[in-house]
All heavy atoms as atom14 arrays in JSON, in Angstrom:
{
  "sequence": "NHVVQTRRLHEYLRWRNAHARHPDVLEAQRRERARIRSEKGHRWGRHD",
  "atom14_mask": [
    [1, 1, 1, 1, 1, 1, 1, 1, 0, 0, 0, 0, 0, 0],
    [1, 1, 1, 1, 1, 1, 1, 1, 1, 1, 0, 0, 0, 0],
    [1, 1, 1, 1, 1, 1, 1, 0, 0, 0, 0, 0, 0, 0],
    [1, 1, 1, 1, 1, 1, 1, 0, 0, 0, 0, 0, 0, 0],
    [1, 1, 1, 1, 1, 1, 1, 1, 1, 0, 0, 0, 0, 0],
    [1, 1, 1, 1, 1, 1, 1, 0, 0, 0, 0, 0, 0, 0],
    [1, 1, 1, 1, 1, 1, 1, 1, 1, 1, 1, 0, 0, 0],
    [1, 1, 1, 1, 1, 1, 1, 1, 1, 1, 1, 0, 0, 0],
    [1, 1, 1, 1, 1, 1, 1, 1, 0, 0, 0, 0, 0, 0],
    [1, 1, 1, 1, 1, 1, 1, 1, 1, 1, 0, 0, 0, 0],
    [1, 1, 1, 1, 1, 1, 1, 1, 1, 0, 0, 0, 0, 0],
    [1, 1, 1, 1, 1, 1, 1, 1, 1, 1, 1, 1, 0, 0],
    [1, 1, 1, 1, 1, 1, 1, 1, 0, 0, 0, 0, 0, 0],
    [1, 1, 1, 1, 1, 1, 1, 1, 1, 1, 1, 0, 0, 0],
    [1, 1, 1, 1, 1, 1, 1, 1, 1, 1, 1, 1, 1, 1],
    [1, 1, 1, 1, 1, 1, 1, 1, 1, 1, 1, 0, 0, 0],
    [1, 1, 1, 1, 1, 1, 1, 1, 0, 0, 0, 0, 0, 0],
    [1, 1, 1, 1, 1, 0, 0, 0, 0, 0, 0, 0, 0, 0],
    [1, 1, 1, 1, 1, 1, 1, 1, 1, 1, 0, 0, 0, 0],
    [1, 1, 1, 1, 1, 0, 0, 0, 0, 0, 0, 0, 0, 0],
    [1, 1, 1, 1, 1, 1, 1, 1, 1, 1, 1, 0, 0, 0],
    [1, 1, 1, 1, 1, 1, 1, 1, 1, 1, 0, 0, 0, 0],
    [1, 1, 1, 1, 1, 1, 1, 0, 0, 0, 0, 0, 0, 0],
    [1, 1, 1, 1, 1, 1, 1, 1, 0, 0, 0, 0, 0, 0],
    [1, 1, 1, 1, 1, 1, 1, 0, 0, 0, 0, 0, 0, 0],
    [1, 1, 1, 1, 1, 1, 1, 1, 0, 0, 0, 0, 0, 0],
    [1, 1, 1, 1, 1, 1, 1, 1, 1, 0, 0, 0, 0, 0],
    [1, 1, 1, 1, 1, 0, 0, 0, 0, 0, 0, 0, 0, 0],
    [1, 1, 1, 1, 1, 1, 1, 1, 1, 0, 0, 0, 0, 0],
    [1, 1, 1, 1, 1, 1, 1, 1, 1, 1, 1, 0, 0, 0],
    [1, 1, 1, 1, 1, 1, 1, 1, 1, 1, 1, 0, 0, 0],
    [1, 1, 1, 1, 1, 1, 1, 1, 1, 0, 0, 0, 0, 0],
    [1, 1, 1, 1, 1, 1, 1, 1, 1, 1, 1, 0, 0, 0],
    [1, 1, 1, 1, 1, 0, 0, 0, 0, 0, 0, 0, 0, 0],
    [1, 1, 1, 1, 1, 1, 1, 1, 1, 1, 1, 0, 0, 0],
    [1, 1, 1, 1, 1, 1, 1, 1, 0, 0, 0, 0, 0, 0],
    [1, 1, 1, 1, 1, 1, 1, 1, 1, 1, 1, 0, 0, 0],
    [1, 1, 1, 1, 1, 1, 0, 0, 0, 0, 0, 0, 0, 0],
    [1, 1, 1, 1, 1, 1, 1, 1, 1, 0, 0, 0, 0, 0],
    [1, 1, 1, 1, 1, 1, 1, 1, 1, 0, 0, 0, 0, 0],
    [1, 1, 1, 1, 0, 0, 0, 0, 0, 0, 0, 0, 0, 0],
    [1, 1, 1, 1, 1, 1, 1, 1, 1, 1, 0, 0, 0, 0],
    [1, 1, 1, 1, 1, 1, 1, 1, 1, 1, 1, 0, 0, 0],
    [1, 1, 1, 1, 1, 1, 1, 1, 1, 1, 1, 1, 1, 1],
    [1, 1, 1, 1, 0, 0, 0, 0, 0, 0, 0, 0, 0, 0],
    [1, 1, 1, 1, 1, 1, 1, 1, 1, 1, 1, 0, 0, 0],
    [1, 1, 1, 1, 1, 1, 1, 1, 1, 1, 0, 0, 0, 0],
    [1, 1, 1, 1, 1, 1, 1, 1, 0, 0, 0, 0, 0, 0]
  ],
  "atom14_positions": [
    [[109.34, 105.54, 73.44], [108.65, 104.34, 73.06], [108.85, 103.21, 74.06], [109.63, 103.38, 75.07], [109.06, 103.88, 71.68], [110.56, 103.83, 71.59], [111.23, 103.03, 72.34], [111.17, 104.56, 70.58], [0.0, 0.0, 0.0], [0.0, 0.0, 0.0], [0.0, 0.0, 0.0], [0.0, 0.0, 0.0], [0.0, 0.0, 0.0], [0.0, 0.0, 0.0]],
    [[108.23, 102.14, 73.81], [108.35, 100.92, 74.77], [109.72, 100.32, 74.78], [110.24, 99.82, 75.81], [107.36, 99.86, 74.45], [105.94, 100.18, 74.99], [105.71, 100.38, 76.28], [104.8, 100.43, 74.32], [104.39, 100.64, 76.45], [103.85, 100.73, 75.26], [0.0, 0.0, 0.0], [0.0, 0.0, 0.0], [0.0, 0.0, 0.0], [0.0, 0.0, 0.0]],
    [[110.43, 100.39, 73.62], [111.76, 99.8, 73.5], [112.73, 100.57, 74.51], [113.45, 99.89, 75.25], [112.29, 99.86, 72.13], [113.74, 99.43, 71.99], [111.44, 99.07, 71.2], [0.0, 0.0, 0.0], [0.0, 0.0, 0.0], [0.0, 0.0, 0.0], [0.0, 0.0, 0.0], [0.0, 0.0, 0.0], [0.0, 0.0, 0.0], [0.0, 0.0, 0.0]],
    [[112.66, 101.85, 74.39], [113.57, 102.71, 75.29], [113.14, 102.49, 76.8], [113.96, 102.32, 77.61], [113.54, 104.12, 74.92], [114.31, 105.03, 75.89], [113.99, 104.3, 73.45], [0.0, 0.0, 0.0], [0.0, 0.0, 0.0], [0.0, 0.0, 0.0], [0.0, 0.0, 0.0], [0.0, 0.0, 0.0], [0.0, 0.0, 0.0], [0.0, 0.0, 0.0]],
    [[111.84, 102.46, 77.03], [111.29, 102.26, 78.4], [111.8, 100.94, 78.99], [112.25, 100.87, 80.1], [109.83, 102.37, 78.41], [109.22, 102.23, 79.82], [107.73, 102.2, 79.78], [107.16, 101.2, 79.34], [107.1, 103.21, 80.22], [0.0, 0.0, 0.0], [0.0, 0.0, 0.0], [0.0, 0.0, 0.0], [0.0, 0.0, 0.0], [0.0, 0.0, 0.0]],
    [[111.62, 99.9, 78.16], [112.15, 98.56, 78.63], [113.59, 98.49, 78.87], [114.12, 97.89, 79.84], [111.68, 97.52, 77.59], [110.24, 97.55, 77.43], [112.12, 96.09, 78.12], [0.0, 0.0, 0.0], [0.0, 0.0, 0.0], [0.0, 0.0, 0.0], [0.0, 0.0, 0.0], [0.0, 0.0, 0.0], [0.0, 0.0, 0.0], [0.0, 0.0, 0.0]],
    [[114.41, 99.11, 77.95], [115.8, 99.16, 78.1], [116.19, 99.92, 79.41], [117.05, 99.44, 80.14], [116.46, 99.92, 76.9], [117.97, 99.88, 76.96], [118.61, 100.7, 75.86], [118.09, 100.16, 74.46], [117.55, 100.93, 73.56], [117.37, 102.27, 73.91], [117.04, 100.4, 72.5], [0.0, 0.0, 0.0], [0.0, 0.0, 0.0], [0.0, 0.0, 0.0]],
    [[115.56, 101.08, 79.69], [115.82, 101.73, 80.92], [115.59, 100.88, 82.15], [116.26, 100.94, 83.19], [115.14, 103.12, 80.96], [115.48, 104.03, 79.83], [116.9, 104.66, 80.09], [117.23, 105.66, 79.04], [117.93, 105.36, 77.94], [118.25, 104.11, 77.66], [118.17, 106.24, 77.03], [0.0, 0.0, 0.0], [0.0, 0.0, 0.0], [0.0, 0.0, 0.0]],
    [[114.35, 100.26, 82.12], [113.96, 99.48, 83.22], [115.02, 98.32, 83.53], [115.38, 98.1, 84.68], [112.64, 98.89, 82.93], [111.86, 98.21, 84.07], [110.38, 98.28, 83.96], [112.21, 96.73, 84.06], [0.0, 0.0, 0.0], [0.0, 0.0, 0.0], [0.0, 0.0, 0.0], [0.0, 0.0, 0.0], [0.0, 0.0, 0.0], [0.0, 0.0, 0.0]],
    [[115.45, 97.63, 82.49], [116.42, 96.57, 82.71], [117.77, 97.06, 83.05], [118.58, 96.38, 83.75], [116.42, 95.61, 81.5], [115.26, 94.78, 81.32], [115.06, 93.65, 81.97], [114.08, 94.97, 80.73], [113.88, 93.07, 81.67], [113.23, 93.84, 80.9], [0.0, 0.0, 0.0], [0.0, 0.0, 0.0], [0.0, 0.0, 0.0], [0.0, 0.0, 0.0]],
    [[118.17, 98.25, 82.63], [119.39, 98.81, 83.03], [119.32, 99.17, 84.6], [120.38, 98.9, 85.31], [119.68, 100.18, 82.3], [120.1, 100.01, 80.82], [120.2, 101.27, 80.13], [119.85, 102.31, 80.75], [120.64, 101.31, 78.97], [0.0, 0.0, 0.0], [0.0, 0.0, 0.0], [0.0, 0.0, 0.0], [0.0, 0.0, 0.0], [0.0, 0.0, 0.0]],
    [[118.14, 99.55, 85.05], [118.06, 99.78, 86.47], [118.07, 98.5, 87.26], [118.75, 98.39, 88.29], [116.71, 100.52, 86.76], [116.38, 100.49, 88.23], [117.05, 101.27, 89.18], [115.43, 99.51, 88.76], [116.8, 101.21, 90.55], [115.15, 99.43, 90.13], [115.84, 100.26, 91.03], [115.57, 100.24, 92.4], [0.0, 0.0, 0.0], [0.0, 0.0, 0.0]],
    [[117.52, 97.43, 86.69], [117.5, 96.14, 87.36], [118.88, 95.65, 87.51], [119.25, 95.14, 88.57], [116.6, 95.08, 86.61], [115.18, 95.31, 86.65], [114.39, 94.28, 85.82], [114.67, 95.25, 88.12], [0.0, 0.0, 0.0], [0.0, 0.0, 0.0], [0.0, 0.0, 0.0], [0.0, 0.0, 0.0], [0.0, 0.0, 0.0], [0.0, 0.0, 0.0]],
    [[119.71, 95.8, 86.57], [121.16, 95.36, 86.57], [121.87, 96.17, 87.65], [122.67, 95.59, 88.45], [121.85, 95.46, 85.27], [121.33, 94.48, 84.23], [122.36, 94.5, 83.01], [122.16, 95.64, 82.22], [121.28, 95.78, 81.25], [120.41, 94.85, 80.97], [121.18, 96.93, 80.6], [0.0, 0.0, 0.0], [0.0, 0.0, 0.0], [0.0, 0.0, 0.0]],
    [[121.6, 97.47, 87.76], [122.3, 98.36, 88.77], [121.77, 97.92, 90.08], [122.57, 97.8, 91.05], [121.94, 99.76, 88.5], [122.58, 100.68, 89.47], [123.81, 101.26, 89.46], [122.03, 101.1, 90.75], [124.01, 101.99, 90.53], [122.9, 101.94, 91.39], [120.74, 100.88, 91.36], [122.64, 102.55, 92.56], [120.55, 101.43, 92.59], [121.44, 102.2, 93.22]],
    [[120.42, 97.71, 90.28], [119.87, 97.34, 91.43], [120.38, 96.02, 92.06], [120.69, 95.93, 93.29], [118.39, 97.33, 91.41], [117.59, 96.98, 92.67], [116.94, 95.61, 92.61], [116.32, 95.36, 93.86], [116.75, 94.33, 94.74], [117.88, 93.69, 94.44], [116.19, 94.15, 95.87], [0.0, 0.0, 0.0], [0.0, 0.0, 0.0], [0.0, 0.0, 0.0]],
    [[120.54, 95.06, 91.28], [121.04, 93.72, 91.74], [122.45, 93.8, 92.06], [122.99, 93.08, 92.96], [120.89, 92.7, 90.64], [119.39, 92.31, 90.48], [118.57, 92.49, 91.36], [118.95, 91.89, 89.25], [0.0, 0.0, 0.0], [0.0, 0.0, 0.0], [0.0, 0.0, 0.0], [0.0, 0.0, 0.0], [0.0, 0.0, 0.0], [0.0, 0.0, 0.0]],
    [[123.22, 94.76, 91.49], [124.64, 94.91, 91.91], [124.79, 95.81, 93.09], [125.84, 95.85, 93.79], [125.5, 95.53, 90.73], [0.0, 0.0, 0.0], [0.0, 0.0, 0.0], [0.0, 0.0, 0.0], [0.0, 0.0, 0.0], [0.0, 0.0, 0.0], [0.0, 0.0, 0.0], [0.0, 0.0, 0.0], [0.0, 0.0, 0.0], [0.0, 0.0, 0.0]],
    [[123.78, 96.54, 93.44], [123.83, 97.49, 94.62], [122.52, 97.18, 95.49], [121.85, 98.16, 95.87], [123.81, 98.92, 94.16], [124.99, 99.22, 93.19], [125.03, 99.02, 91.9], [126.22, 99.78, 93.54], [126.09, 99.44, 91.34], [126.91, 99.84, 92.34], [0.0, 0.0, 0.0], [0.0, 0.0, 0.0], [0.0, 0.0, 0.0], [0.0, 0.0, 0.0]],
    [[122.28, 95.98, 95.75], [121.02, 95.67, 96.53], [120.98, 96.25, 97.87], [119.88, 96.47, 98.47], [120.91, 94.1, 96.6], [0.0, 0.0, 0.0], [0.0, 0.0, 0.0], [0.0, 0.0, 0.0], [0.0, 0.0, 0.0], [0.0, 0.0, 0.0], [0.0, 0.0, 0.0], [0.0, 0.0, 0.0], [0.0, 0.0, 0.0], [0.0, 0.0, 0.0]],
    [[122.15, 96.56, 98.52], [122.18, 97.14, 99.8], [122.49, 98.66, 99.77], [122.89, 99.2, 100.78], [123.27, 96.47, 100.74], [123.17, 94.98, 100.72], [121.86, 94.41, 101.18], [121.5, 94.86, 102.54], [120.33, 94.74, 103.08], [119.33, 94.19, 102.37], [120.13, 95.09, 104.35], [0.0, 0.0, 0.0], [0.0, 0.0, 0.0], [0.0, 0.0, 0.0]],
    [[122.28, 99.33, 98.7], [122.55, 100.69, 98.54], [121.48, 101.4, 99.32], [120.29, 101.06, 99.38], [122.34, 101.12, 96.99], [122.78, 102.53, 96.79], [122.01, 103.64, 97.09], [123.94, 102.98, 96.2], [122.73, 104.67, 96.72], [123.85, 104.38, 96.24], [0.0, 0.0, 0.0], [0.0, 0.0, 0.0], [0.0, 0.0, 0.0], [0.0, 0.0, 0.0]],
    [[121.87, 102.5, 100.12], [121.0, 103.18, 100.97], [119.75, 103.69, 100.33], [118.64, 103.66, 100.87], [121.82, 104.36, 101.52], [123.24, 103.81, 101.51], [123.27, 103.0, 100.26], [0.0, 0.0, 0.0], [0.0, 0.0, 0.0], [0.0, 0.0, 0.0], [0.0, 0.0, 0.0], [0.0, 0.0, 0.0], [0.0, 0.0, 0.0], [0.0, 0.0, 0.0]],
    [[119.89, 104.18, 99.02], [118.64, 104.68, 98.39], [117.66, 103.56, 98.05], [116.48, 103.77, 98.21], [119.07, 105.3, 96.94], [119.81, 106.66, 97.23], [119.74, 107.17, 98.32], [120.46, 107.23, 96.24], [0.0, 0.0, 0.0], [0.0, 0.0, 0.0], [0.0, 0.0, 0.0], [0.0, 0.0, 0.0], [0.0, 0.0, 0.0], [0.0, 0.0, 0.0]],
    [[118.11, 102.37, 97.67], [117.31, 101.19, 97.45], [116.61, 100.78, 98.67], [115.42, 100.6, 98.71], [118.07, 100.1, 96.82], [117.25, 98.84, 96.63], [118.68, 100.56, 95.47], [0.0, 0.0, 0.0], [0.0, 0.0, 0.0], [0.0, 0.0, 0.0], [0.0, 0.0, 0.0], [0.0, 0.0, 0.0], [0.0, 0.0, 0.0], [0.0, 0.0, 0.0]],
    [[117.39, 100.71, 99.8], [116.83, 100.23, 101.07], [115.75, 101.22, 101.61], [114.75, 100.9, 102.12], [117.95, 100.15, 102.08], [118.94, 98.97, 101.81], [120.04, 99.04, 102.82], [118.33, 97.7, 101.69], [0.0, 0.0, 0.0], [0.0, 0.0, 0.0], [0.0, 0.0, 0.0], [0.0, 0.0, 0.0], [0.0, 0.0, 0.0], [0.0, 0.0, 0.0]],
    [[116.0, 102.6, 101.43], [115.07, 103.54, 101.91], [113.82, 103.49, 101.01], [112.69, 103.61, 101.57], [115.75, 104.98, 101.84], [114.84, 106.11, 102.18], [114.43, 106.04, 103.6], [115.04, 105.38, 104.47], [113.28, 106.63, 103.94], [0.0, 0.0, 0.0], [0.0, 0.0, 0.0], [0.0, 0.0, 0.0], [0.0, 0.0, 0.0], [0.0, 0.0, 0.0]],
    [[113.95, 103.43, 99.76], [112.73, 103.32, 98.9], [111.93, 102.05, 99.25], [110.7, 102.1, 99.29], [113.13, 103.31, 97.51], [0.0, 0.0, 0.0], [0.0, 0.0, 0.0], [0.0, 0.0, 0.0], [0.0, 0.0, 0.0], [0.0, 0.0, 0.0], [0.0, 0.0, 0.0], [0.0, 0.0, 0.0], [0.0, 0.0, 0.0], [0.0, 0.0, 0.0]],
    [[112.59, 100.95, 99.6], [111.93, 99.68, 99.98], [111.23, 99.88, 101.28], [110.1, 99.41, 101.42], [112.89, 98.47, 99.94], [113.43, 98.09, 98.63], [114.42, 97.11, 98.68], [115.06, 96.68, 97.65], [114.8, 96.68, 99.8], [0.0, 0.0, 0.0], [0.0, 0.0, 0.0], [0.0, 0.0, 0.0], [0.0, 0.0, 0.0], [0.0, 0.0, 0.0]],
    [[111.84, 100.58, 102.25], [111.26, 100.82, 103.53], [109.95, 101.68, 103.42], [108.85, 101.36, 104.04], [112.2, 101.48, 104.47], [113.16, 100.53, 105.08], [113.87, 101.22, 106.23], [114.81, 102.33, 105.82], [116.03, 102.18, 105.48], [116.62, 100.95, 105.57], [116.74, 103.22, 105.11], [0.0, 0.0, 0.0], [0.0, 0.0, 0.0], [0.0, 0.0, 0.0]],
    [[110.08, 102.68, 102.64], [108.89, 103.5, 102.33], [107.73, 102.76, 101.71], [106.54, 102.83, 102.06], [109.23, 104.71, 101.53], [109.93, 105.74, 102.27], [109.91, 107.13, 101.51], [110.5, 107.0, 100.15], [111.71, 107.25, 99.81], [112.56, 107.68, 100.83], [112.19, 107.14, 98.59], [0.0, 0.0, 0.0], [0.0, 0.0, 0.0], [0.0, 0.0, 0.0]],
    [[108.04, 101.86, 100.72], [106.97, 101.15, 100.03], [106.41, 100.07, 101.0], [105.22, 99.85, 101.02], [107.64, 100.43, 98.83], [106.62, 99.69, 98.01], [105.67, 100.64, 97.24], [105.95, 101.89, 97.34], [104.69, 100.17, 96.68], [0.0, 0.0, 0.0], [0.0, 0.0, 0.0], [0.0, 0.0, 0.0], [0.0, 0.0, 0.0], [0.0, 0.0, 0.0]],
    [[107.28, 99.45, 101.83], [106.68, 98.51, 102.81], [105.74, 99.17, 103.76], [104.76, 98.72, 104.13], [107.85, 97.78, 103.54], [108.68, 96.81, 102.79], [109.56, 96.04, 103.71], [110.37, 95.04, 102.95], [111.65, 95.32, 102.57], [112.19, 96.44, 102.88], [112.3, 94.45, 101.89], [0.0, 0.0, 0.0], [0.0, 0.0, 0.0], [0.0, 0.0, 0.0]],
    [[106.11, 100.44, 104.25], [105.3, 101.14, 105.16], [103.94, 101.47, 104.48], [102.85, 101.39, 105.13], [106.06, 102.43, 105.62], [0.0, 0.0, 0.0], [0.0, 0.0, 0.0], [0.0, 0.0, 0.0], [0.0, 0.0, 0.0], [0.0, 0.0, 0.0], [0.0, 0.0, 0.0], [0.0, 0.0, 0.0], [0.0, 0.0, 0.0], [0.0, 0.0, 0.0]],
    [[104.03, 101.87, 103.21], [102.8, 102.2, 102.47], [101.89, 100.92, 102.33], [100.64, 100.96, 102.55], [103.09, 102.7, 101.1], [101.88, 103.19, 100.32], [102.21, 103.52, 98.86], [102.54, 102.31, 98.15], [101.72, 101.48, 97.66], [100.45, 101.61, 97.86], [102.15, 100.37, 96.96], [0.0, 0.0, 0.0], [0.0, 0.0, 0.0], [0.0, 0.0, 0.0]],
    [[102.51, 99.81, 102.01], [101.76, 98.53, 101.81], [101.14, 98.09, 103.14], [99.99, 97.73, 103.29], [102.69, 97.48, 101.23], [103.06, 97.88, 99.79], [101.95, 96.17, 101.23], [104.17, 96.94, 99.22], [0.0, 0.0, 0.0], [0.0, 0.0, 0.0], [0.0, 0.0, 0.0], [0.0, 0.0, 0.0], [0.0, 0.0, 0.0], [0.0, 0.0, 0.0]],
    [[102.0, 98.16, 104.2], [101.48, 97.72, 105.47], [100.41, 98.61, 106.05], [99.43, 98.2, 106.71], [102.6, 97.73, 106.59], [103.59, 96.55, 106.39], [104.68, 96.6, 107.42], [105.5, 95.37, 107.22], [105.34, 94.28, 107.91], [104.35, 94.09, 108.67], [106.16, 93.24, 107.64], [0.0, 0.0, 0.0], [0.0, 0.0, 0.0], [0.0, 0.0, 0.0]],
    [[100.32, 99.93, 105.69], [99.3, 100.78, 106.16], [97.98, 100.44, 105.42], [96.89, 100.91, 105.9], [99.72, 102.31, 105.84], [99.65, 102.55, 104.42], [0.0, 0.0, 0.0], [0.0, 0.0, 0.0], [0.0, 0.0, 0.0], [0.0, 0.0, 0.0], [0.0, 0.0, 0.0], [0.0, 0.0, 0.0], [0.0, 0.0, 0.0], [0.0, 0.0, 0.0]],
    [[97.99, 99.72, 104.38], [96.78, 99.42, 103.6], [96.2, 98.03, 103.91], [95.12, 97.65, 103.38], [97.07, 99.53, 102.04], [97.38, 100.97, 101.6], [97.74, 101.0, 100.1], [97.78, 99.9, 99.54], [97.93, 102.07, 99.6], [0.0, 0.0, 0.0], [0.0, 0.0, 0.0], [0.0, 0.0, 0.0], [0.0, 0.0, 0.0], [0.0, 0.0, 0.0]],
    [[96.95, 97.29, 104.67], [96.5, 95.91, 104.89], [95.52, 95.75, 106.0], [95.14, 96.79, 106.68], [97.69, 95.01, 105.1], [98.4, 95.23, 106.45], [99.57, 94.38, 106.5], [100.34, 94.67, 107.72], [101.61, 93.87, 107.88], [0.0, 0.0, 0.0], [0.0, 0.0, 0.0], [0.0, 0.0, 0.0], [0.0, 0.0, 0.0], [0.0, 0.0, 0.0]],
    [[95.1, 94.6, 106.32], [94.08, 94.4, 107.34], [94.66, 94.28, 108.73], [95.68, 94.82, 109.04], [0.0, 0.0, 0.0], [0.0, 0.0, 0.0], [0.0, 0.0, 0.0], [0.0, 0.0, 0.0], [0.0, 0.0, 0.0], [0.0, 0.0, 0.0], [0.0, 0.0, 0.0], [0.0, 0.0, 0.0], [0.0, 0.0, 0.0], [0.0, 0.0, 0.0]],
    [[93.99, 93.43, 109.53], [94.45, 93.26, 110.92], [95.68, 92.47, 111.11], [96.29, 92.44, 112.12], [93.33, 92.62, 111.73], [92.07, 93.51, 111.81], [92.01, 94.58, 112.72], [90.96, 93.52, 111.09], [90.79, 95.19, 112.49], [90.17, 94.6, 111.57], [0.0, 0.0, 0.0], [0.0, 0.0, 0.0], [0.0, 0.0, 0.0], [0.0, 0.0, 0.0]],
    [[96.03, 91.64, 110.05], [97.21, 90.72, 110.2], [98.48, 91.54, 109.98], [98.58, 92.41, 109.21], [97.04, 89.68, 109.11], [98.11, 88.5, 109.11], [97.85, 87.53, 110.2], [98.81, 86.39, 110.18], [98.48, 85.14, 109.98], [97.18, 84.87, 109.95], [99.26, 84.24, 109.94], [0.0, 0.0, 0.0], [0.0, 0.0, 0.0], [0.0, 0.0, 0.0]],
    [[99.57, 91.04, 110.59], [100.92, 91.46, 110.47], [101.09, 92.91, 110.71], [101.44, 93.72, 109.88], [101.41, 91.2, 109.01], [101.54, 89.79, 108.73], [101.39, 88.71, 109.53], [101.96, 89.19, 107.46], [101.63, 87.52, 108.94], [102.02, 87.77, 107.63], [102.25, 89.71, 106.22], [102.33, 86.85, 106.62], [102.64, 88.8, 105.21], [102.61, 87.4, 105.38]],
    [[100.78, 93.35, 111.95], [101.17, 94.65, 112.35], [100.09, 95.64, 112.63], [100.34, 96.73, 113.17], [0.0, 0.0, 0.0], [0.0, 0.0, 0.0], [0.0, 0.0, 0.0], [0.0, 0.0, 0.0], [0.0, 0.0, 0.0], [0.0, 0.0, 0.0], [0.0, 0.0, 0.0], [0.0, 0.0, 0.0], [0.0, 0.0, 0.0], [0.0, 0.0, 0.0]],
    [[98.91, 95.35, 112.28], [97.73, 96.36, 112.39], [97.37, 96.32, 113.84], [97.18, 95.22, 114.47], [96.58, 96.03, 111.49], [95.45, 97.1, 111.67], [94.36, 96.75, 110.75], [93.33, 97.69, 110.92], [93.21, 98.83, 110.19], [94.21, 99.16, 109.43], [92.16, 99.64, 110.39], [0.0, 0.0, 0.0], [0.0, 0.0, 0.0], [0.0, 0.0, 0.0]],
    [[97.3, 97.47, 114.48], [96.95, 97.55, 115.94], [95.57, 98.07, 116.16], [95.04, 98.8, 115.26], [97.95, 98.44, 116.65], [97.95, 99.83, 116.18], [98.68, 100.27, 115.14], [97.24, 100.9, 116.61], [98.56, 101.59, 114.91], [97.67, 101.93, 115.79], [0.0, 0.0, 0.0], [0.0, 0.0, 0.0], [0.0, 0.0, 0.0], [0.0, 0.0, 0.0]],
    [[94.87, 97.66, 117.26], [93.56, 98.11, 117.53], [93.67, 99.48, 118.16], [94.6, 99.79, 118.95], [92.9, 97.17, 118.53], [92.56, 95.83, 117.77], [92.41, 95.82, 116.58], [92.64, 94.82, 118.46], [0.0, 0.0, 0.0], [0.0, 0.0, 0.0], [0.0, 0.0, 0.0], [0.0, 0.0, 0.0], [0.0, 0.0, 0.0], [0.0, 0.0, 0.0]]
  ]
}
């Protein structure tokens, strides 16, 4: 249910803020940035 889902989400947020430089967190953020940058337009890194 949503109560359990919300609880799990906020448990992760507490862990993430205490381990902001954890390699798993940084690697997931790098992959997400790469995915986002691949979808954007000509600004901020897109090459001709």
